[in-house]
């Protein structure tokens, strides 16, 4: 049931597109080669930990598509045509909506709380800050604002604020060393 009483006095959210759509890959190197090399979506940030990588590709000003590569997760990829439901669809992780600044992020958090929706505290990822919540169907959602905007200009692969994976995939090493990829993957429709 909708809860309008708690949001009546809270200002409207100022959405600015998709901050990042987070997907899952089992091969980050091939993902970099395809999205950056084939599609021309600039690689603008990398995060690497002992358990995962998280890389971001620009698809518009302040809009990115991002991929997780989980280590030792046993993910079994498969081809799925668009618009055809499949219970094995592990590629989707969450969608992050872009807001203009931290003030808007905090206002959204307050709006969610006023509507009795669970929401995290603000999480600082370095180049973005985010809050996490779900929709009524259980879809994982995030709202993010750029702290340092990596979109709309050439990537600086030496900038540790954006490129922080201490052990990047070979494609990133090629980009940082030569400024271009040595190879890109072929794809085929299913």
Protein backbone atom coordinates (compact mmCIF):
# COMPACT_ATOMS: atom_id res chain seq x y z
CA UNK A 1 0.00 0.00 0.00
CA UNK A 2 1.29 3.46 -0.89
CA UNK A 3 2.44 5.76 1.87
CA UNK A 4 1.80 9.34 0.70
CA UNK A 5 1.58 10.95 4.13
CA UNK A 6 5.32 10.81 4.81
CA UNK A 7 6.40 12.29 1.46
CA UNK A 8 3.95 15.19 1.08
CA UNK A 9 6.31 17.75 2.64
CA UNK A 10 9.54 16.29 1.19
CA UNK A 11 10.85 18.05 -1.97
CA UNK A 12 10.68 16.22 -5.29
CA UNK A 13 13.78 14.26 -6.33
CA UNK A 14 15.79 15.80 -9.19
CA UNK A 15 16.78 12.76 -11.26
CA UNK A 16 19.59 13.12 -13.81
CA UNK A 17 19.61 9.76 -15.57
CA UNK A 18 21.28 6.49 -14.71
CA UNK A 19 24.46 6.97 -12.69
CA UNK A 20 25.36 3.37 -13.44
CA UNK A 21 23.67 0.15 -14.39
CA UNK A 22 25.59 -2.56 -12.56
CA UNK A 23 25.91 -5.85 -14.41
CA UNK A 24 27.96 -8.99 -13.76
CA UNK A 25 30.69 -10.47 -15.96
CA UNK A 26 32.86 -13.55 -15.57
CA UNK A 27 35.58 -12.04 -17.81
CA UNK A 28 36.42 -8.40 -17.06
CA UNK A 29 39.22 -8.32 -19.62
CA UNK A 30 36.84 -9.28 -22.45
CA UNK A 31 34.30 -6.80 -21.05
CA UNK A 32 36.82 -3.93 -21.22
CA UNK A 33 37.82 -4.95 -24.74
CA UNK A 34 34.18 -5.03 -25.88
CA UNK A 35 32.68 -1.98 -24.14
CA UNK A 36 35.72 0.27 -24.54
CA UNK A 37 37.25 -1.23 -27.68
CA UNK A 38 34.19 -2.24 -29.71
CA UNK A 39 31.39 0.02 -28.48
CA UNK A 40 33.60 3.03 -27.75
CA UNK A 41 32.23 3.45 -24.21
CA UNK A 42 35.21 4.98 -22.42
CA UNK A 43 36.52 3.16 -19.37
CA UNK A 44 36.36 5.87 -16.70
CA UNK A 45 36.97 4.08 -13.38
CA UNK A 46 38.12 0.78 -11.85
CA UNK A 47 37.76 -0.59 -8.35
CA UNK A 48 39.49 -3.78 -7.27
CA UNK A 49 39.36 -5.71 -3.99
CA UNK A 50 40.32 -9.21 -2.92
CA UNK A 51 36.79 -10.42 -3.73
CA UNK A 52 35.66 -8.41 -6.76
CA UNK A 53 36.39 -5.88 -9.50
CA UNK A 54 33.95 -3.07 -10.41
CA UNK A 55 34.64 -1.18 -13.67
CA UNK A 56 32.69 1.78 -15.10
CA UNK A 57 32.14 2.74 -18.79
CA UNK A 58 30.74 6.13 -19.85
CA UNK A 59 27.55 5.98 -21.95
CA UNK A 60 26.62 9.66 -21.60
CA UNK A 61 27.45 12.64 -19.45
CA UNK A 62 27.28 11.38 -15.84
CA UNK A 63 25.78 8.08 -17.07
CA UNK A 64 27.68 4.80 -16.99
CA UNK A 65 27.30 1.07 -17.28
CA UNK A 66 29.36 -0.82 -14.72
CA UNK A 67 30.37 -4.45 -14.30
CA UNK A 68 31.21 -6.59 -11.30
CA UNK A 69 33.60 -9.52 -11.70
CA UNK A 70 33.40 -11.68 -8.56
CA UNK A 71 36.38 -13.86 -7.72
CA UNK A 72 35.69 -17.54 -7.05
CA UNK A 73 31.92 -17.09 -7.39
CA UNK A 74 31.31 -19.94 -9.82
CA UNK A 75 29.11 -17.83 -12.09
CA UNK A 76 27.88 -19.73 -15.14
CA UNK A 77 27.32 -17.28 -18.03
CA UNK A 78 24.83 -18.00 -20.79
CA UNK A 79 23.39 -16.17 -23.79
CA UNK A 80 19.89 -14.75 -23.36
CA UNK A 81 18.07 -12.89 -26.13
CA UNK A 82 16.69 -9.48 -25.15
CA UNK A 83 13.11 -9.45 -23.90
CA UNK A 84 12.93 -13.20 -23.25
CA UNK A 85 12.65 -14.09 -19.56
CA UNK A 86 15.09 -16.66 -18.23
CA UNK A 87 15.43 -17.73 -14.60
CA UNK A 88 19.19 -18.10 -15.05
CA UNK A 89 19.72 -14.37 -15.79
CA UNK A 90 22.64 -13.56 -13.43
CA UNK A 91 23.94 -10.61 -15.46
CA UNK A 92 21.86 -7.97 -13.70
CA UNK A 93 22.99 -6.75 -10.29
CA UNK A 94 21.37 -3.35 -9.60
CA UNK A 95 20.60 0.00 -11.19
CA UNK A 96 21.94 3.27 -9.80
CA UNK A 97 20.01 6.47 -10.48
CA UNK A 98 22.04 9.65 -10.81
CA UNK A 99 21.24 12.66 -8.61
CA UNK A 100 22.95 16.06 -8.99
CA UNK A 101 24.71 16.34 -5.62
CA UNK A 102 24.96 15.07 -2.06
CA UNK A 103 22.18 17.39 -0.92
CA UNK A 104 19.84 15.66 -3.37
CA UNK A 105 21.14 12.26 -2.24
CA UNK A 106 20.36 13.09 1.39
CA UNK A 107 16.94 14.46 0.41
CA UNK A 108 16.16 11.19 -1.38
CA UNK A 109 17.31 9.21 1.66
CA UNK A 110 14.98 11.30 3.85
CA UNK A 111 12.14 10.80 1.37
CA UNK A 112 12.63 7.02 1.43
CA UNK A 113 12.73 6.98 5.23
CA UNK A 114 9.58 9.13 5.38
CA UNK A 115 7.85 6.50 3.23
CA UNK A 116 9.00 3.72 5.60
CA UNK A 117 11.42 2.30 3.04
CA UNK A 118 14.66 0.81 4.29
CA UNK A 119 17.70 2.71 3.01
CA UNK A 120 21.40 2.63 3.87
CA UNK A 121 23.48 5.46 5.19
CA UNK A 122 25.52 7.27 2.53
CA UNK A 123 28.36 5.07 1.30
CA UNK A 124 31.50 6.86 0.06
CA UNK A 125 33.04 5.05 -2.92
CA UNK A 126 35.63 7.76 -3.55
CA UNK A 127 34.41 9.14 -6.88
CA UNK A 128 30.70 8.63 -6.10
CA UNK A 129 28.56 8.59 -2.96
CA UNK A 130 25.52 6.33 -2.80
CA UNK A 131 22.55 5.06 -0.84
CA UNK A 132 21.04 1.60 -1.37
CA UNK A 133 17.41 0.47 -1.20
CA UNK A 134 15.00 -1.87 -3.01
CA UNK A 135 11.82 -1.50 -4.99
CA UNK A 136 8.65 -3.36 -3.88
CA UNK A 137 9.53 -6.25 -6.20
CA UNK A 138 12.91 -6.71 -4.54
CA UNK A 139 15.02 -5.12 -7.30
CA UNK A 140 18.21 -3.74 -5.80
CA UNK A 141 18.43 0.01 -6.36
CA UNK A 142 21.02 2.68 -5.65
CA UNK A 143 21.09 6.44 -5.99
CA UNK A 144 24.48 8.08 -6.55
CA UNK A 145 26.03 11.48 -7.02
CA UNK A 146 29.41 12.16 -8.54
CA UNK A 147 31.96 13.51 -6.05
CA UNK A 148 34.56 13.71 -8.80
CA UNK A 149 32.94 13.34 -12.22
CA UNK A 150 34.83 10.93 -14.47
CA UNK A 151 32.53 11.47 -17.45
CA UNK A 152 32.57 14.09 -20.19
CA UNK A 153 36.36 14.29 -20.61
CA UNK A 154 39.32 12.10 -21.54
CA UNK A 155 40.22 9.45 -18.99
CA UNK A 156 43.39 9.94 -16.96
CA UNK A 157 44.46 6.35 -16.31
CA UNK A 158 47.05 7.56 -13.77
CA UNK A 159 44.35 9.15 -11.58
CA UNK A 160 44.06 6.85 -8.56
CA UNK A 161 40.70 8.34 -7.59
CA UNK A 162 39.21 6.52 -10.59
CA UNK A 163 41.66 3.75 -11.45
CA UNK A 164 42.30 2.02 -8.14
CA UNK A 165 42.33 -1.67 -9.05
CA UNK A 166 45.81 -2.73 -7.85
CA UNK A 167 45.76 -5.74 -10.19
CA UNK A 168 43.84 -4.65 -13.33
CA UNK A 169 42.97 -6.99 -16.18
CA UNK A 170 45.33 -6.98 -19.20
CA UNK A 171 43.02 -4.71 -21.22
CA UNK A 172 43.39 -1.94 -18.63
CA UNK A 173 47.16 -2.43 -18.59
CA UNK A 174 47.12 -1.98 -22.39
CA UNK A 175 45.07 1.22 -22.10
CA UNK A 176 47.32 2.68 -19.42
CA UNK A 177 50.50 1.68 -21.24
CA UNK A 178 49.69 2.23 -24.92
CA UNK A 179 46.44 4.17 -24.85
CA UNK A 180 44.67 1.52 -26.92
CA UNK A 181 43.64 -2.12 -26.84
CA UNK A 182 45.64 -4.79 -28.63
CA UNK A 183 42.53 -6.83 -29.44
CA UNK A 184 38.73 -6.87 -29.12
CA UNK A 185 36.31 -9.85 -28.95
CA UNK A 186 33.85 -10.96 -31.61
CA UNK A 187 30.23 -11.56 -30.64
CA UNK A 188 27.37 -13.51 -32.23
CA UNK A 189 23.59 -13.31 -31.88
CA UNK A 190 21.96 -16.31 -30.24
